[in-house]
Every structure is written in structure tokens, then in C-alpha cells.
């Protein structure tokens, strides 16, 4: 098993001779992270340096920031060990960094994200950012697996519950801002799973950001992976037991990836409980099933006419109930 994490550290304090980054690397080592993606590093230009801890562990720190202003900035900490090999970043921007990493033979394309905020970012700025994001997700070969992590500054109710969100199903979302809609659109287009939604955790352990007074809390940081990678994710969620001197929490992901080519080729895909007995929507192409479905929807509309839910919830309930009762299940 191996771990990677993502955290918005608020400031790398470049003028403090790297004391903040040393502390961050020390916490990453305490969390047993092979890779840690950082946002709001606030280092200028691009660069690379080696951080040696007093325990003897070494982390390579690669960053990209603004040319003159100490603003935004992203970076990646990678433990120096035989298990991990990596190339130089092939896509760099003060808000985006993408690089190819190989962990014990498992090839991934890691994309580190720091999205413009929902309030301060203009529509043009957001559009340009998400165009860059999609461009940075282009893999070099078919054997690479895509992993997108970081601070998306996105709010969506999907992240507050266990619902196995893979971007394909329709889930009623009553708490969603503009960045949240853009995030779900990326999941649909790139077919990415939101890893936090695959595990049963209390809401208090899902929040990744707390305000200074501790009253306002949100999920702003996300881990998005391909369905193939999700099969090997053992755990994913916010962990408050590590102190990065930030109002964000570390989002830690644990994977148990195959370590040999033979194991990767013949590994059995895990089946999630959410897909057990899922209605086969393609069966609606048959006229007889389609007629039964329409009749069932009409009956459900009449049966649930007195429900107090809003229109969106009401329609979703009717469609789900009709699908479960009339459509054949996927085998």
C-alpha cells in the first residue's frame, strides 16, 4: 500500500528560508505520504530543490508560481526512494501542474489543481483555467492512469455523502456553486470518480476547510481518479491529525495497487454495492419496456403528488421508482 495527499498550505513563506516547506515536508513524512500536492505555495517562478529532514528522509520539491508576484502557486513533494520515479513536469502554470509518476510499476499522470475562487474569479478566468485543466489531463500513453487532485474551490452536496459519484449518474444537488457545476462537468467529460464519495464517513470528517472562527466549514479539496484507479483506493478522506499551519485539512488517499505487470493485467475489478441491481437504461430502446416505463412514471406521479419535496426531488423520486420497478437489472 502507498499514500498520496493534497493540501492548501496557504503560504510557503519563501523569504523564511524554507522553514514552512520544511515543516510541510515533515508532516508529509509523518503521514507516510509518497506524494503530496500543495496549493497556494506562493513561490516565484519555477524550480526544484531537495528537502532533507532530520530523520534522514528526503523529499524533492517541485513548484511553479508567478514570475513577480508571490501569489497562487502549486507544488509537488515526492519522497526520494527506489519505489518512485518521475519525469519533469510537462505542463506548468501558477494554478496547474502535471507530471508523469511511476509508483512501484503503477504509472499515473498526476495533475495538481488550484482553481480560482468562486467569488473572486471572473467567468473568463474560470473558462481559461478549465480549458488548461482538460489540456493538462492528456496522457502520454494508454497505460497511464489519470489522477487529478487539489483545491477546486468548489461546493457541491455530492461530496457530503456516500453515493459512488463517477460523473455518470444523476444525483440531486441542492448545494452547488458555479465551481461545483464546472467540477461535475469535468468528471462527466473525463469520466472521473470522486473518491471521497466512495467511503462511509461522518460529515465532520468530510469537510476540508474551516473558517478562522471554526463555524463555517466546506469541502473545497477533491480527489478525482479514473474508475480503474478507484478499484484500488482503500481509503480517501480529510484527516485532521496532521498540522500544516493552514485552515485546510490534508486529504489523504491510500491505494493498494498491483506491483507486477501480470497482477495489473489479470486483476479483478471490484464491484461497488451501488451498482448491484442497477437498472439497465439501454433497455428503454425496446418498445414494450418503454411503454411499461412511461405507464409506471405516470402512476408514480399520481402516487407522489402529495409529497412536500421540491420539484427536482419529486421528479427524481418518480423516475428512480419507475426505473427500479420496470427496467431489467444490469447483470
Protein backbone atom coordinates (compact mmCIF):
# COMPACT_ATOMS: atom_id res chain seq x y z
CA UNK A 1 0.00 0.00 0.00
CA UNK A 2 1.05 3.61 -0.54
CA UNK A 3 -0.38 7.05 0.20
CA UNK A 4 -0.64 10.40 -1.51
CA UNK A 5 -2.21 13.61 -0.23
CA UNK A 6 -3.26 17.12 -1.16
CA UNK A 7 -3.38 20.26 0.99
CA UNK A 8 -3.66 24.04 0.52
CA UNK A 9 -0.82 25.30 2.75
CA UNK A 10 -1.85 29.00 2.39
CA UNK A 11 1.76 30.20 2.13
CA UNK A 12 5.14 28.64 1.52
CA UNK A 13 6.92 31.66 3.12
CA UNK A 14 9.69 31.78 0.53
CA UNK A 15 11.52 34.54 2.41
CA UNK A 16 11.66 32.42 5.58
CA UNK A 17 14.48 30.23 4.20
CA UNK A 18 12.08 27.37 3.56
CA UNK A 19 11.06 26.87 7.19
CA UNK A 20 7.39 26.46 6.25
CA UNK A 21 8.20 23.94 3.50
CA UNK A 22 10.44 22.00 5.87
CA UNK A 23 7.53 21.76 8.33
CA UNK A 24 5.18 20.69 5.50
CA UNK A 25 7.64 18.00 4.36
CA UNK A 26 7.96 16.79 7.95
CA UNK A 27 4.18 16.43 8.28
CA UNK A 28 4.03 14.66 4.89
CA UNK A 29 6.63 12.19 6.19
CA UNK A 30 4.64 11.72 9.42
CA UNK A 31 1.56 10.95 7.30
CA UNK A 32 3.68 8.42 5.35
CA UNK A 33 2.99 10.12 2.01
CA UNK A 34 4.97 9.20 -1.08
CA UNK A 35 3.45 12.17 -2.95
CA UNK A 36 1.92 15.35 -1.57
CA UNK A 37 0.36 18.00 -3.83
CA UNK A 38 0.46 21.57 -2.47
CA UNK A 39 -1.58 24.61 -3.40
CA UNK A 40 -1.07 28.32 -2.67
CA UNK A 41 2.66 27.76 -2.28
CA UNK A 42 3.42 31.38 -3.28
CA UNK A 43 6.94 30.69 -4.56
CA UNK A 44 8.03 32.73 -7.55
CA UNK A 45 8.94 31.28 -10.98
CA UNK A 46 9.59 27.54 -11.33
CA UNK A 47 12.15 25.48 -9.52
CA UNK A 48 13.22 22.28 -7.85
CA UNK A 49 15.06 21.56 -4.62
CA UNK A 50 15.77 18.73 -2.20
CA UNK A 51 14.46 18.90 1.37
CA UNK A 52 16.35 16.66 3.81
CA UNK A 53 14.62 16.00 7.12
CA UNK A 54 16.36 15.39 10.44
CA UNK A 55 15.10 11.79 10.23
CA UNK A 56 17.15 11.22 7.09
CA UNK A 57 14.12 11.15 4.75
CA UNK A 58 14.36 13.26 1.62
CA UNK A 59 11.63 14.94 -0.43
CA UNK A 60 12.02 16.52 -3.85
CA UNK A 61 10.02 19.75 -4.02
CA UNK A 62 8.97 20.98 -7.48
CA UNK A 63 6.99 24.19 -7.80
CA UNK A 64 5.55 26.69 -10.27
CA UNK A 65 4.44 30.24 -9.40
CA UNK A 66 4.03 33.75 -10.74
CA UNK A 67 7.07 35.45 -12.25
CA UNK A 68 6.99 38.53 -10.00
CA UNK A 69 4.09 38.37 -7.55
CA UNK A 70 4.03 35.94 -4.66
CA UNK A 71 0.52 34.77 -5.47
CA UNK A 72 -1.18 31.39 -6.05
CA UNK A 73 1.44 28.80 -6.97
CA UNK A 74 1.36 24.99 -6.91
CA UNK A 75 3.94 22.41 -5.98
CA UNK A 76 4.52 18.69 -5.51
CA UNK A 77 6.53 16.93 -2.81
CA UNK A 78 7.84 13.49 -3.85
CA UNK A 79 9.71 11.20 -1.48
CA UNK A 80 13.13 10.21 -2.78
CA UNK A 81 13.09 6.41 -2.75
CA UNK A 82 13.50 3.47 -5.20
CA UNK A 83 9.72 2.91 -5.29
CA UNK A 84 9.02 6.23 -7.01
CA UNK A 85 10.32 7.51 -10.33
CA UNK A 86 9.10 10.62 -12.12
CA UNK A 87 9.69 12.90 -15.09
CA UNK A 88 9.96 16.66 -15.05
CA UNK A 89 6.54 18.43 -15.18
CA UNK A 90 5.39 18.77 -18.78
CA UNK A 91 2.59 21.24 -18.01
CA UNK A 92 3.24 24.13 -15.63
CA UNK A 93 1.14 27.11 -14.68
CA UNK A 94 0.79 29.06 -11.40
CA UNK A 95 -2.51 27.21 -10.92
CA UNK A 96 -1.79 23.88 -12.62
CA UNK A 97 0.99 21.33 -12.69
CA UNK A 98 1.00 17.94 -14.42
CA UNK A 99 3.70 15.29 -14.37
CA UNK A 100 4.17 11.59 -15.03
CA UNK A 101 4.95 9.46 -11.98
CA UNK A 102 5.54 5.73 -11.58
CA UNK A 103 4.94 4.13 -8.17
CA UNK A 104 6.11 0.52 -7.92
CA UNK A 105 5.38 -0.02 -11.60
CA UNK A 106 1.97 1.69 -11.50
CA UNK A 107 2.01 4.59 -13.97
CA UNK A 108 -0.07 7.66 -13.17
CA UNK A 109 -0.41 11.16 -14.56
CA UNK A 110 -0.73 13.42 -11.54
CA UNK A 111 -2.45 16.79 -12.08
CA UNK A 112 -2.24 19.31 -9.22
CA UNK A 113 -5.02 21.93 -9.27
CA UNK A 114 -5.61 25.30 -7.60
CA UNK A 115 -8.80 26.74 -9.07
CA UNK A 116 -9.81 30.42 -8.98
CA UNK A 117 -12.24 31.09 -6.14
CA UNK A 118 -15.94 31.05 -6.84
CA UNK A 119 -16.40 34.71 -5.83
CA UNK A 120 -13.20 36.46 -6.93
CA UNK A 121 -12.55 34.57 -10.16
CA UNK A 122 -14.16 36.05 -13.29
CA UNK A 123 -16.02 33.91 -15.82
CA UNK A 124 -13.22 34.34 -18.39
CA UNK A 125 -10.61 33.37 -15.81
CA UNK A 126 -12.53 30.23 -14.87
CA UNK A 127 -13.10 29.29 -18.53
CA UNK A 128 -9.39 29.64 -19.27
CA UNK A 129 -8.47 27.60 -16.18
CA UNK A 130 -10.75 24.66 -17.04
CA UNK A 131 -9.51 24.66 -20.64
CA UNK A 132 -5.98 24.34 -19.27
CA UNK A 133 -7.11 21.61 -16.90
CA UNK A 134 -8.52 19.48 -19.70
CA UNK A 135 -5.37 20.05 -21.77
CA UNK A 136 -3.12 19.02 -18.87
CA UNK A 137 -5.04 15.74 -18.49
CA UNK A 138 -3.82 14.41 -21.86
CA UNK A 139 -1.91 11.18 -21.14
CA UNK A 140 1.26 10.15 -22.94
CA UNK A 141 0.21 6.53 -23.40
CA UNK A 142 -2.73 4.24 -22.71
CA UNK A 143 -1.03 2.59 -19.73
CA UNK A 144 -1.08 5.79 -17.70
CA UNK A 145 -3.91 6.37 -15.23
CA UNK A 146 -5.21 9.86 -14.55
CA UNK A 147 -5.29 11.33 -11.02
CA UNK A 148 -6.50 14.92 -10.53
CA UNK A 149 -6.23 16.43 -7.04
CA UNK A 150 -6.23 19.83 -5.41
CA UNK A 151 -8.20 22.83 -4.22
CA UNK A 152 -11.06 23.30 -6.68
CA UNK A 153 -12.81 25.96 -4.53
CA UNK A 154 -15.97 24.07 -5.49
CA UNK A 155 -19.01 23.43 -3.31
CA UNK A 156 -21.36 20.54 -4.06
CA UNK A 157 -23.63 18.44 -1.85
CA UNK A 158 -22.40 15.30 -3.62
CA UNK A 159 -19.22 15.37 -1.54
CA UNK A 160 -21.16 15.30 1.75
CA UNK A 161 -22.44 11.75 1.44
CA UNK A 162 -21.58 8.29 0.20
CA UNK A 163 -23.04 7.99 -3.31
CA UNK A 164 -20.29 6.48 -5.52
CA UNK A 165 -20.19 9.50 -7.82
CA UNK A 166 -18.49 8.68 -11.12
CA UNK A 167 -19.85 11.61 -13.13
CA UNK A 168 -22.41 9.49 -14.97
CA UNK A 169 -25.42 9.18 -12.68
CA UNK A 170 -27.87 11.98 -11.88
CA UNK A 171 -27.83 13.00 -8.21
CA UNK A 172 -29.98 15.74 -6.74
CA UNK A 173 -27.61 18.54 -5.71
CA UNK A 174 -29.17 21.30 -3.63
CA UNK A 175 -25.85 22.92 -2.60
CA UNK A 176 -23.81 23.67 -5.70
CA UNK A 177 -21.98 26.84 -6.77
CA UNK A 178 -20.58 27.68 -10.20
CA UNK A 179 -17.25 25.97 -9.50
CA UNK A 180 -19.19 22.91 -8.30
CA UNK A 181 -21.03 22.70 -11.62
CA UNK A 182 -17.74 23.01 -13.51
CA UNK A 183 -16.18 20.29 -11.35
CA UNK A 184 -19.03 17.86 -12.11
CA UNK A 185 -18.76 18.73 -15.80
CA UNK A 186 -15.06 17.76 -15.75
CA UNK A 187 -15.96 14.45 -14.06
CA UNK A 188 -18.52 13.74 -16.77
CA UNK A 189 -16.23 14.69 -19.66
CA UNK A 190 -13.12 12.87 -18.40
CA UNK A 191 -15.07 10.04 -16.74
CA UNK A 192 -13.54 10.55 -13.32
CA UNK A 193 -14.71 9.24 -9.95
CA UNK A 194 -14.88 11.48 -6.88
CA UNK A 195 -13.02 9.25 -4.44
CA UNK A 196 -14.39 10.82 -1.23
CA UNK A 197 -17.92 9.72 -2.17
CA UNK A 198 -16.97 6.02 -2.19
CA UNK A 199 -16.45 5.77 1.56
CA UNK A 200 -18.82 5.95 4.51
CA UNK A 201 -17.66 8.78 6.77
CA UNK A 202 -19.44 11.27 9.06
CA UNK A 203 -19.85 14.75 7.61
CA UNK A 204 -17.48 16.26 10.15
CA UNK A 205 -14.68 14.17 8.66
CA UNK A 206 -15.56 15.17 5.11
CA UNK A 207 -15.01 18.91 5.46
CA UNK A 208 -11.62 20.01 4.14
CA UNK A 209 -11.79 23.72 5.06
CA UNK A 210 -12.74 25.54 8.27
CA UNK A 211 -13.06 29.30 8.74
CA UNK A 212 -10.89 31.07 11.31
CA UNK A 213 -13.68 31.06 13.90
CA UNK A 214 -14.41 27.38 13.21
CA UNK A 215 -18.10 27.93 12.42
CA UNK A 216 -18.08 27.83 8.60
CA UNK A 217 -16.94 24.56 7.04
CA UNK A 218 -16.88 23.33 3.45
CA UNK A 219 -15.48 20.68 1.13
CA UNK A 220 -13.17 22.53 -1.25
CA UNK A 221 -10.47 19.92 -1.93
CA UNK A 222 -11.14 16.85 -4.07
CA UNK A 223 -9.50 13.68 -5.34
CA UNK A 224 -10.62 12.61 -8.84
CA UNK A 225 -9.42 9.33 -10.35
CA UNK A 226 -10.25 7.02 -13.23
CA UNK A 227 -12.60 4.09 -12.46
CA UNK A 228 -9.67 1.67 -12.86
CA UNK A 229 -7.70 3.51 -10.17
CA UNK A 230 -10.76 3.72 -7.91
CA UNK A 231 -10.78 -0.09 -7.77
CA UNK A 232 -7.53 0.10 -5.80
CA UNK A 233 -8.40 3.02 -3.49
CA UNK A 234 -8.62 1.66 0.05
CA UNK A 235 -9.42 4.93 1.85
CA UNK A 236 -9.88 8.60 0.97
CA UNK A 237 -10.89 11.49 3.20
CA UNK A 238 -9.88 14.53 5.22
CA UNK A 239 -7.51 13.85 8.12
CA UNK A 240 -7.31 16.39 10.94
CA UNK A 241 -4.49 14.65 12.82
CA UNK A 242 -1.79 16.47 10.84
CA UNK A 243 -0.90 20.14 11.34
CA UNK A 244 0.16 22.04 8.21
CA UNK A 245 -0.43 25.52 9.75
CA UNK A 246 -3.37 26.03 7.38
CA UNK A 247 -7.15 26.39 7.53
CA UNK A 248 -7.35 23.42 5.13
CA UNK A 249 -7.10 19.76 6.12
CA UNK A 250 -4.97 17.13 4.48
CA UNK A 251 -6.95 14.92 2.09
CA UNK A 252 -5.20 11.57 2.30
CA UNK A 253 -5.71 8.71 -0.15
CA UNK A 254 -4.50 5.16 0.37
CA UNK A 255 -4.08 2.78 -2.58
CA UNK A 256 -3.25 -0.88 -2.85
CA UNK A 257 -2.07 -1.04 -6.45
CA UNK A 258 -0.69 -4.19 -8.14
CA UNK A 259 3.08 -4.32 -8.12
CA UNK A 260 3.69 -6.50 -11.19
CA UNK A 261 2.63 -6.41 -14.82
CA UNK A 262 0.91 -9.78 -14.50
CA UNK A 263 -1.08 -8.64 -11.48
CA UNK A 264 -2.16 -5.45 -13.25
CA UNK A 265 -3.26 -7.38 -16.30
CA UNK A 266 -5.27 -10.06 -14.51
CA UNK A 267 -6.56 -8.11 -11.52
CA UNK A 268 -10.27 -8.47 -10.91
CA UNK A 269 -12.24 -5.27 -10.80
CA UNK A 270 -14.05 -4.68 -7.55
CA UNK A 271 -17.77 -4.17 -7.74
CA UNK A 272 -19.31 -1.45 -5.64
CA UNK A 273 -22.55 -2.06 -3.80
CA UNK A 274 -24.06 0.98 -5.50
CA UNK A 275 -24.04 -0.81 -8.84
CA UNK A 276 -25.65 -4.01 -7.61
CA UNK A 277 -29.06 -4.33 -9.24
CA UNK A 278 -28.70 -1.11 -11.20
CA UNK A 279 -31.48 -0.65 -13.84
CA UNK A 280 -30.40 -1.12 -17.44
CA UNK A 281 -31.28 2.21 -19.08
CA UNK A 282 -30.43 0.90 -22.54
CA UNK A 283 -33.40 -1.45 -22.32
CA UNK A 284 -35.66 1.57 -22.98
CA UNK A 285 -34.81 1.12 -26.65
CA UNK A 286 -37.32 -1.75 -26.65
CA UNK A 287 -40.83 -0.51 -27.30
CA UNK A 288 -42.59 -2.84 -24.83
CA UNK A 289 -40.30 -1.86 -21.94
CA UNK A 290 -40.55 1.81 -22.85
CA UNK A 291 -44.36 1.69 -22.71
CA UNK A 292 -44.26 -0.01 -19.29
CA UNK A 293 -41.82 2.60 -18.03
CA UNK A 294 -43.99 5.52 -19.19
CA UNK A 295 -47.05 3.96 -17.54
CA UNK A 296 -45.11 3.44 -14.32
CA UNK A 297 -43.88 7.06 -14.33
CA UNK A 298 -47.47 8.27 -14.70
CA UNK A 299 -48.56 6.13 -11.76
CA UNK A 300 -45.66 7.35 -9.63
CA UNK A 301 -46.52 10.97 -10.41
CA UNK A 302 -50.04 10.37 -9.16
CA UNK A 303 -48.91 8.41 -6.08
CA UNK A 304 -46.39 11.04 -5.00
CA UNK A 305 -48.50 14.05 -5.87
CA UNK A 306 -48.91 14.98 -2.19
CA UNK A 307 -45.19 14.86 -1.36
CA UNK A 308 -43.72 18.03 0.18
CA UNK A 309 -40.39 17.80 -1.67
CA UNK A 310 -39.44 20.45 -4.22
CA UNK A 311 -39.95 19.78 -7.91
CA UNK A 312 -36.45 18.44 -8.60
CA UNK A 313 -36.53 15.94 -5.73
CA UNK A 314 -40.07 14.92 -6.67
CA UNK A 315 -39.19 14.16 -10.30
CA UNK A 316 -36.03 12.24 -9.34
CA UNK A 317 -38.06 10.10 -6.92
CA UNK A 318 -40.64 9.28 -9.60
CA UNK A 319 -38.05 8.35 -12.24
CA UNK A 320 -35.97 6.24 -9.84
CA UNK A 321 -39.00 4.36 -8.53
CA UNK A 322 -40.33 3.69 -12.04
CA UNK A 323 -36.91 2.50 -13.24
CA UNK A 324 -36.50 0.11 -10.32
CA UNK A 325 -39.93 -1.45 -10.87
CA UNK A 326 -39.96 -1.79 -14.66
CA UNK A 327 -36.45 -1.92 -16.12
CA UNK A 328 -34.38 -5.13 -16.10
CA UNK A 329 -31.25 -5.07 -13.96
CA UNK A 330 -27.70 -4.97 -15.28
CA UNK A 331 -26.02 -8.35 -14.84
